[in-house]
């Protein structure tokens, strides 16, 4: 069987492509997902947790507002659009957005669950994709396998199911913190949400002590201002791509809090909860906020964990003890071992597969046969790459490339002129593949 588009993975990146292709009967597509059913950060579905992006930054709206798989369409189909408007939520619930994604996946017959891709090769005329159930051919392959927990090497070997784990498993293990001394490591949004959830627990469900350690100098908020959000537009994404590697790395470091900071409402809730526990309820819980520290090592000492840390300001060693350690240390792109047969064909940029401006891998492949890389090229495409903000636009670019049709120019009338006024491309990073 031959397809115009074969997708690997069914997270938001590929689910967006599948949603925009749905109903286009002249384009034959199929998407393989190794999990038996749809899931999206299920271990982080904490009550009250919300998205850090607008509801319009869903799977399809910024590319096709009339698409049946929009978030508004989901609300309408479930008979709660008016109630959603009347509720006037400050953020879309992460639980509800997960349900929306699940609805989109389960209503798309082109997505096949419980089928893992074993390898992808190229026979000179088409991609050859071998799964656990079949062998198919495709003109184009879209890789959107998502992210996996990122834990330091020194800690990975001693992770376990009950007292030392990544925040991605917190929802399923939340009961293990009751009456324990708990350490949360990581000063981003996921760490903040776990801290807030444990602070809200009362009675026998509350931890005996809660420490929150962050490498950052403080618990910094997400910069959600209008001009900062302009960093998450197609214009800036294209501008970023054209810059040299040194500029791009420095830019990501300077502007990290535009994507990895903590929502202001979460920070306020944490502060207010600590105030209430300390001064009003006089709760016995011991709370320690430990910014500007870095964990150097972790060892098990009987039933407790001993954590060697360093104060980054004073450059002084510190030792902490905890019954339960939760790493909120972020995520990294998932590995792609199935691409091994293609490795010699593909160019690399640092540790990433090098791509052109259409997100197609650079290397020894024909112009009309593309391997697209989604949510795995932040060093080339910037902070927006793993973010939901440009998902629909990126999918549109991928589809237009596959169909060899002109790009839609009116989508992004940016206020800010990021590129030089002469509109000349940076000579330090000339594109290695032109637009179609």
Protein backbone atom coordinates (compact mmCIF):
# COMPACT_ATOMS: atom_id res chain seq x y z
CA UNK A 1 0.00 0.00 0.00
CA UNK A 2 1.32 3.46 -0.90
CA UNK A 3 0.41 6.75 0.80
CA UNK A 4 1.04 10.38 0.05
CA UNK A 5 1.75 11.02 3.74
CA UNK A 6 2.84 8.63 6.49
CA UNK A 7 2.92 10.04 10.01
CA UNK A 8 4.85 8.57 12.95
CA UNK A 9 3.32 9.57 16.28
CA UNK A 10 -0.08 11.03 17.17
CA UNK A 11 0.72 13.78 19.66
CA UNK A 12 -0.41 17.36 18.97
CA UNK A 13 2.18 17.89 16.20
CA UNK A 14 1.08 15.03 13.97
CA UNK A 15 -2.50 15.15 15.16
CA UNK A 16 -2.60 18.67 13.72
CA UNK A 17 -1.34 17.44 10.34
CA UNK A 18 -3.83 14.56 10.41
CA UNK A 19 -6.68 16.93 11.30
CA UNK A 20 -5.90 19.34 8.45
CA UNK A 21 -5.63 16.44 5.99
CA UNK A 22 -8.84 14.80 7.17
CA UNK A 23 -11.53 14.92 4.52
CA UNK A 24 -9.09 15.63 1.68
CA UNK A 25 -9.88 12.47 -0.23
CA UNK A 26 -7.28 13.13 -2.93
CA UNK A 27 -4.53 12.83 -0.29
CA UNK A 28 -4.02 9.35 1.09
CA UNK A 29 -2.55 9.50 4.60
CA UNK A 30 -1.98 7.21 7.55
CA UNK A 31 -0.55 7.90 11.03
CA UNK A 32 0.97 5.24 13.28
CA UNK A 33 0.94 5.48 17.09
CA UNK A 34 2.60 2.81 19.23
CA UNK A 35 0.40 3.46 22.27
CA UNK A 36 -2.85 1.45 22.39
CA UNK A 37 -4.96 4.56 22.92
CA UNK A 38 -4.51 8.32 22.88
CA UNK A 39 -2.72 9.92 25.82
CA UNK A 40 -1.07 13.28 26.38
CA UNK A 41 0.93 13.93 29.56
CA UNK A 42 -1.60 11.88 31.50
CA UNK A 43 0.75 11.75 34.49
CA UNK A 44 0.62 15.55 34.75
CA UNK A 45 -3.15 15.97 34.69
CA UNK A 46 -3.33 17.78 38.00
CA UNK A 47 -6.72 19.34 38.90
CA UNK A 48 -6.65 23.06 38.18
CA UNK A 49 -3.64 22.96 35.83
CA UNK A 50 -4.15 25.09 32.73
CA UNK A 51 -2.62 25.73 29.34
CA UNK A 52 -0.17 28.59 28.93
CA UNK A 53 -1.43 29.40 25.42
CA UNK A 54 -4.64 30.74 23.90
CA UNK A 55 -7.53 28.40 23.07
CA UNK A 56 -7.13 29.50 19.43
CA UNK A 57 -3.70 27.84 19.33
CA UNK A 58 -5.30 24.45 18.90
CA UNK A 59 -4.72 21.81 16.22
CA UNK A 60 -6.16 23.71 13.26
CA UNK A 61 -7.59 27.19 13.89
CA UNK A 62 -4.57 29.32 12.91
CA UNK A 63 -4.43 27.47 9.58
CA UNK A 64 -8.10 26.68 8.95
CA UNK A 65 -10.65 28.21 11.35
CA UNK A 66 -13.48 26.30 9.64
CA UNK A 67 -11.93 22.88 10.25
CA UNK A 68 -14.15 20.41 12.13
CA UNK A 69 -11.32 19.62 14.58
CA UNK A 70 -11.05 23.07 16.17
CA UNK A 71 -11.38 23.50 19.92
CA UNK A 72 -14.52 25.62 19.40
CA UNK A 73 -16.00 22.82 17.27
CA UNK A 74 -15.21 20.35 20.06
CA UNK A 75 -17.06 22.52 22.59
CA UNK A 76 -20.00 22.93 20.22
CA UNK A 77 -20.26 19.22 19.46
CA UNK A 78 -20.28 18.43 23.18
CA UNK A 79 -23.01 20.99 23.85
CA UNK A 80 -21.08 23.27 26.16
CA UNK A 81 -19.88 26.19 24.06
CA UNK A 82 -22.15 28.75 25.76
CA UNK A 83 -21.30 27.44 29.21
CA UNK A 84 -17.60 27.65 28.40
CA UNK A 85 -18.02 31.29 27.38
CA UNK A 86 -20.04 32.11 30.48
CA UNK A 87 -17.44 30.49 32.75
CA UNK A 88 -14.84 33.03 31.54
CA UNK A 89 -11.85 30.86 32.38
CA UNK A 90 -8.50 32.59 32.64
CA UNK A 91 -6.90 29.48 31.09
CA UNK A 92 -8.11 26.44 29.24
CA UNK A 93 -8.00 23.46 31.60
CA UNK A 94 -5.25 21.02 30.67
CA UNK A 95 -7.68 18.19 31.40
CA UNK A 96 -10.21 19.62 28.96
CA UNK A 97 -7.58 20.23 26.28
CA UNK A 98 -6.39 16.63 26.67
CA UNK A 99 -10.00 15.52 26.18
CA UNK A 100 -10.20 17.70 23.07
CA UNK A 101 -7.06 16.11 21.61
CA UNK A 102 -8.41 12.64 22.42
CA UNK A 103 -11.69 13.49 20.67
CA UNK A 104 -9.81 14.67 17.56
CA UNK A 105 -7.68 11.51 17.50
CA UNK A 106 -10.55 9.08 18.00
CA UNK A 107 -12.62 10.71 15.28
CA UNK A 108 -9.89 10.46 12.65
CA UNK A 109 -9.90 7.09 10.92
CA UNK A 110 -6.42 7.73 9.49
CA UNK A 111 -4.78 7.28 12.92
CA UNK A 112 -3.80 3.73 13.84
CA UNK A 113 -3.16 3.02 17.53
CA UNK A 114 -1.17 0.10 18.86
CA UNK A 115 1.16 0.01 15.87
CA UNK A 116 4.84 0.84 16.37
CA UNK A 117 7.12 1.90 13.52
CA UNK A 118 10.22 -0.28 13.46
CA UNK A 119 12.20 1.38 10.69
CA UNK A 120 12.04 3.88 7.85
CA UNK A 121 14.14 3.46 4.72
CA UNK A 122 14.19 4.92 1.22
CA UNK A 123 14.27 2.72 -1.88
CA UNK A 124 15.08 5.48 -4.37
CA UNK A 125 11.48 6.25 -5.25
CA UNK A 126 9.56 6.13 -1.98
CA UNK A 127 9.95 5.79 1.75
CA UNK A 128 9.56 2.26 3.05
CA UNK A 129 7.98 2.12 6.51
CA UNK A 130 7.92 -1.13 8.45
CA UNK A 131 5.60 -1.35 11.44
CA UNK A 132 4.78 -4.15 13.86
CA UNK A 133 1.84 -5.06 11.61
CA UNK A 134 2.65 -4.13 8.01
CA UNK A 135 4.97 -2.64 5.41
CA UNK A 136 3.85 0.50 3.57
CA UNK A 137 5.30 2.95 1.06
CA UNK A 138 5.00 6.72 1.17
CA UNK A 139 5.96 9.84 -0.76
CA UNK A 140 6.45 11.75 2.48
CA UNK A 141 7.03 10.88 6.13
CA UNK A 142 6.18 13.19 9.04
CA UNK A 143 7.96 12.45 12.31
CA UNK A 144 6.15 13.80 15.36
CA UNK A 145 7.03 11.45 18.20
CA UNK A 146 6.96 14.10 20.90
CA UNK A 147 9.08 14.38 24.03
CA UNK A 148 10.32 12.25 26.90
CA UNK A 149 11.32 13.14 30.49
CA UNK A 150 14.78 14.66 30.85
CA UNK A 151 16.53 13.57 34.05
CA UNK A 152 20.27 14.02 34.78
CA UNK A 153 22.38 10.96 34.06
CA UNK A 154 23.49 10.63 37.69
CA UNK A 155 19.86 10.33 38.83
CA UNK A 156 18.41 8.21 36.04
CA UNK A 157 19.91 4.94 37.26
CA UNK A 158 18.20 5.15 40.65
CA UNK A 159 14.70 6.20 39.56
CA UNK A 160 11.94 3.99 40.94
CA UNK A 161 8.17 3.64 41.01
CA UNK A 162 7.44 5.11 44.43
CA UNK A 163 9.96 7.53 45.91
CA UNK A 164 12.14 8.87 43.08
CA UNK A 165 10.48 9.75 39.78
CA UNK A 166 9.85 12.37 37.12
CA UNK A 167 6.93 14.78 37.39
CA UNK A 168 5.44 13.15 34.29
CA UNK A 169 4.34 10.32 36.62
CA UNK A 170 3.07 12.47 39.48
CA UNK A 171 -0.69 12.03 38.97
CA UNK A 172 -0.40 8.25 39.26
CA UNK A 173 1.88 8.39 42.32
CA UNK A 174 0.43 11.34 44.20
CA UNK A 175 -0.49 9.26 47.26
CA UNK A 176 3.14 8.42 48.06
CA UNK A 177 3.81 11.94 49.38
CA UNK A 178 1.36 11.82 52.33
CA UNK A 179 3.20 12.40 55.59
CA UNK A 180 6.60 12.36 53.84
CA UNK A 181 9.45 14.81 53.40
CA UNK A 182 9.20 15.72 49.71
CA UNK A 183 11.72 17.49 47.46
CA UNK A 184 10.65 18.91 44.09
CA UNK A 185 13.54 19.75 41.75
CA UNK A 186 12.83 22.23 38.96
CA UNK A 187 11.63 25.83 38.86
CA UNK A 188 9.35 25.73 35.81
CA UNK A 189 5.60 25.38 35.40
CA UNK A 190 5.40 21.63 36.02
CA UNK A 191 7.37 21.92 39.26
CA UNK A 192 5.17 24.81 40.38
CA UNK A 193 1.98 22.86 39.69
CA UNK A 194 3.17 19.89 41.75
CA UNK A 195 4.18 22.16 44.63
CA UNK A 196 0.80 23.91 44.58
CA UNK A 197 -1.08 20.61 44.46
CA UNK A 198 0.76 19.31 47.55
CA UNK A 199 0.31 22.60 49.43
CA UNK A 200 -3.45 22.31 48.89
CA UNK A 201 -3.68 18.87 50.44
CA UNK A 202 -4.92 18.73 53.99
CA UNK A 203 -5.10 16.26 56.82
CA UNK A 204 -3.44 12.93 56.29
CA UNK A 205 -2.80 13.63 52.60
CA UNK A 206 -0.43 16.54 53.24
CA UNK A 207 3.34 16.00 53.16
CA UNK A 208 5.20 16.51 56.43
CA UNK A 209 7.74 18.76 54.70
CA UNK A 210 7.96 20.23 51.22
CA UNK A 211 11.11 21.67 49.65
CA UNK A 212 11.22 23.28 46.20
CA UNK A 213 14.65 23.59 44.61
CA UNK A 214 15.38 25.53 41.41
CA UNK A 215 18.53 26.29 39.49
CA UNK A 216 17.07 29.68 38.59
CA UNK A 217 17.81 32.65 40.83
CA UNK A 218 14.14 33.02 41.68
CA UNK A 219 10.76 31.53 40.78
CA UNK A 220 10.34 33.59 37.65
CA UNK A 221 7.01 34.18 35.87
CA UNK A 222 6.18 33.40 32.28
CA UNK A 223 6.56 36.50 30.12
CA UNK A 224 3.16 36.58 28.42
CA UNK A 225 3.20 40.18 27.20
CA UNK A 226 2.10 41.04 23.63
CA UNK A 227 5.52 41.80 22.18
CA UNK A 228 7.03 38.71 23.77
CA UNK A 229 4.27 36.64 22.22
CA UNK A 230 5.41 38.00 18.86
CA UNK A 231 8.34 35.61 19.27
CA UNK A 232 5.77 32.87 18.65
CA UNK A 233 4.74 33.97 15.17
CA UNK A 234 5.62 32.62 11.72
CA UNK A 235 7.57 35.81 10.93
CA UNK A 236 9.86 35.41 13.92
CA UNK A 237 10.21 31.66 13.40
CA UNK A 238 11.43 32.26 9.85
CA UNK A 239 13.74 35.08 10.98
CA UNK A 240 15.19 32.87 13.72
CA UNK A 241 15.85 30.07 11.25
CA UNK A 242 17.99 32.34 9.07
CA UNK A 243 20.38 33.32 11.88
CA UNK A 244 23.71 31.64 12.64
CA UNK A 245 23.96 28.93 15.28
CA UNK A 246 25.66 31.15 17.88
CA UNK A 247 22.94 33.78 17.70
CA UNK A 248 20.18 31.19 17.93
CA UNK A 249 21.62 29.48 21.02
CA UNK A 250 22.14 32.79 22.81
CA UNK A 251 18.65 33.96 21.86
CA UNK A 252 17.00 30.86 23.33
CA UNK A 253 18.94 31.31 26.56
CA UNK A 254 18.01 35.01 26.84
CA UNK A 255 14.32 34.46 26.15
CA UNK A 256 13.71 31.13 27.86
CA UNK A 257 11.16 32.58 30.29
CA UNK A 258 8.85 33.40 27.39
CA UNK A 259 8.09 29.68 27.22
CA UNK A 260 9.49 28.06 30.38
CA UNK A 261 8.44 30.52 33.05
CA UNK A 262 5.63 29.96 35.58
CA UNK A 263 2.14 31.33 35.01
CA UNK A 264 1.57 34.34 37.25
CA UNK A 265 -1.68 32.89 38.61
CA UNK A 266 0.18 29.74 39.70
CA UNK A 267 2.86 31.77 41.47
CA UNK A 268 0.26 33.88 43.22
CA UNK A 269 -1.67 30.80 44.33
CA UNK A 270 1.51 29.23 45.75
CA UNK A 271 2.40 32.37 47.68
CA UNK A 272 -1.14 32.76 49.02
CA UNK A 273 -1.30 29.11 50.03
CA UNK A 274 1.99 29.36 51.94
CA UNK A 275 0.68 32.50 53.67
CA UNK A 276 -2.52 30.71 54.66
CA UNK A 277 -0.74 27.59 55.92
CA UNK A 278 1.82 29.56 57.92
CA UNK A 279 -0.17 32.42 59.39
CA UNK A 280 -3.85 31.45 59.30
CA UNK A 281 -4.08 27.67 59.55
CA UNK A 282 -0.74 27.35 61.37
CA UNK A 283 -0.28 24.00 59.64
CA UNK A 284 2.62 21.85 60.82
CA UNK A 285 4.02 21.37 57.29
CA UNK A 286 7.62 22.56 56.90
CA UNK A 287 8.05 24.54 53.67
CA UNK A 288 11.48 25.37 52.19
CA UNK A 289 11.94 27.43 49.03
CA UNK A 290 15.44 26.89 47.64
CA UNK A 291 16.20 28.85 44.45
CA UNK A 292 19.65 29.27 42.87
CA UNK A 293 20.71 25.73 43.71
CA UNK A 294 21.88 22.91 41.52
CA UNK A 295 21.73 19.21 42.37
CA UNK A 296 25.09 17.50 41.91
CA UNK A 297 24.35 13.95 43.10
CA UNK A 298 21.68 11.82 44.72
CA UNK A 299 22.13 8.62 46.73
CA UNK A 300 19.84 6.41 48.75
CA UNK A 301 20.48 6.36 52.49
CA UNK A 302 18.28 3.67 53.98
CA UNK A 303 14.68 4.64 53.24
CA UNK A 304 15.63 8.26 52.53
CA UNK A 305 17.41 10.06 49.75
CA UNK A 306 20.50 12.18 50.30
CA UNK A 307 20.82 15.02 47.81
CA UNK A 308 24.10 16.86 47.28
CA UNK A 309 23.44 20.38 46.02
CA UNK A 310 25.38 23.58 45.47
CA UNK A 311 24.31 27.17 46.13
CA UNK A 312 25.15 28.87 42.83
CA UNK A 313 25.54 32.32 44.36
CA UNK A 314 27.79 31.47 47.29
CA UNK A 315 29.32 28.42 45.60
CA UNK A 316 28.75 26.48 48.81
CA UNK A 317 27.80 22.79 49.06
CA UNK A 318 24.52 21.82 50.73
CA UNK A 319 23.07 18.45 51.69
CA UNK A 320 19.33 17.79 51.70
CA UNK A 321 17.34 14.77 52.87
CA UNK A 322 13.99 13.62 51.51
CA UNK A 323 11.69 10.61 51.55
CA UNK A 324 10.37 11.37 48.07
CA UNK A 325 12.20 13.17 45.25
CA UNK A 326 10.28 14.47 42.21
CA UNK A 327 12.22 15.71 39.18
CA UNK A 328 10.48 18.57 37.36
CA UNK A 329 13.53 18.90 35.14
CA UNK A 330 11.80 19.23 31.81
CA UNK A 331 11.64 17.17 28.65
CA UNK A 332 13.72 16.46 25.57
CA UNK A 333 12.86 15.22 22.05
CA UNK A 334 12.03 11.52 21.97
CA UNK A 335 14.62 9.28 20.31
CA UNK A 336 14.05 8.14 16.72
CA UNK A 337 15.79 4.76 16.37
CA UNK A 338 13.49 3.87 13.47
CA UNK A 339 15.36 6.43 11.32
CA UNK A 340 18.63 4.51 11.58
CA UNK A 341 18.46 3.20 7.97
CA UNK A 342 18.33 6.83 6.77
CA UNK A 343 21.13 8.24 8.95
CA UNK A 344 23.74 8.30 6.20
CA UNK A 345 21.35 10.27 3.98
CA UNK A 346 20.58 12.98 6.55
CA UNK A 347 22.52 16.09 7.51
CA UNK A 348 22.90 17.10 11.14
CA UNK A 349 23.01 20.48 12.83
CA UNK A 350 24.46 19.91 16.26
CA UNK A 351 22.47 17.04 17.71
CA UNK A 352 19.42 17.74 15.55
CA UNK A 353 18.51 16.55 12.07
CA UNK A 354 19.06 19.60 9.85
CA UNK A 355 15.91 20.91 8.17
CA UNK A 356 15.00 23.49 5.55
CA UNK A 357 12.39 26.23 6.04
CA UNK A 358 9.60 23.77 5.29
CA UNK A 359 10.71 21.50 8.17
CA UNK A 360 11.95 18.92 5.65
CA UNK A 361 15.18 17.08 6.49
CA UNK A 362 18.23 18.11 4.51
CA UNK A 363 20.28 15.40 2.88
CA UNK A 364 20.34 12.95 0.01
CA UNK A 365 16.63 12.86 -0.79
CA UNK A 366 14.72 13.96 -3.92
CA UNK A 367 13.00 17.34 -3.76
CA UNK A 368 9.56 15.70 -4.06
CA UNK A 369 10.19 13.12 -1.31
CA UNK A 370 10.41 14.71 2.12
CA UNK A 371 11.04 13.57 5.68
CA UNK A 372 9.53 16.21 7.98
CA UNK A 373 10.76 16.70 11.56
CA UNK A 374 8.27 18.23 14.02
CA UNK A 375 8.90 19.18 17.64
CA UNK A 376 12.53 18.13 17.58
CA UNK A 377 14.43 21.11 16.15
CA UNK A 378 14.28 23.90 18.75
CA UNK A 379 17.87 24.97 18.05
CA UNK A 380 16.90 25.62 14.42
CA UNK A 381 13.32 26.84 14.76
CA UNK A 382 13.37 28.49 18.15
CA UNK A 383 11.31 28.43 21.32
CA UNK A 384 8.06 27.93 19.44
CA UNK A 385 9.08 24.53 18.05
CA UNK A 386 8.00 22.41 21.07
CA UNK A 387 5.24 24.89 21.94
CA UNK A 388 1.60 24.63 20.83
CA UNK A 389 1.62 28.19 19.47
CA UNK A 390 2.64 27.46 15.87
CA UNK A 391 1.42 23.89 15.57
CA UNK A 392 -1.33 24.59 13.04
CA UNK A 393 0.82 26.96 10.96
CA UNK A 394 3.69 24.48 10.86
CA UNK A 395 1.30 21.72 9.76
CA UNK A 396 0.05 23.95 6.98
CA UNK A 397 3.62 24.55 5.79
CA UNK A 398 4.27 20.80 5.76
CA UNK A 399 1.09 20.05 3.81
CA UNK A 400 1.74 22.81 1.30
CA UNK A 401 5.21 21.41 0.72
CA UNK A 402 3.82 17.92 0.19
CA UNK A 403 1.28 19.26 -2.29
CA UNK A 404 3.78 21.66 -3.90
CA UNK A 405 1.37 24.61 -3.66
CA UNK A 406 2.16 28.31 -2.98
CA UNK A 407 2.47 29.43 0.64
CA UNK A 408 -0.31 31.42 2.26
CA UNK A 409 1.16 34.90 2.76
CA UNK A 410 -1.60 36.65 4.71
CA UNK A 411 -1.45 34.46 7.82
CA UNK A 412 1.13 36.53 9.69
CA UNK A 413 1.07 40.31 9.34
CA UNK A 414 3.59 40.87 12.13
CA UNK A 415 3.86 44.26 13.86
CA UNK A 416 7.58 43.85 14.56
CA UNK A 417 10.23 43.97 11.83
CA UNK A 418 12.59 41.28 13.07
CA UNK A 419 14.74 41.06 9.95
CA UNK A 420 16.92 43.90 8.59
CA UNK A 421 14.92 46.50 6.69
CA UNK A 422 16.85 45.69 3.54
CA UNK A 423 15.12 42.28 3.73
CA UNK A 424 18.39 40.63 2.75
CA UNK A 425 18.93 37.21 4.21
CA UNK A 426 21.74 36.73 6.67
CA UNK A 427 24.84 35.74 4.72
CA UNK A 428 26.05 33.62 7.62
CA UNK A 429 23.28 31.07 7.12
CA UNK A 430 22.19 30.90 3.53
CA UNK A 431 19.25 28.54 3.00
CA UNK A 432 20.34 25.20 1.62
CA UNK A 433 16.94 24.56 0.03
CA UNK A 434 14.70 27.16 -1.49
CA UNK A 435 10.95 27.45 -1.18
CA UNK A 436 9.03 25.56 -3.81
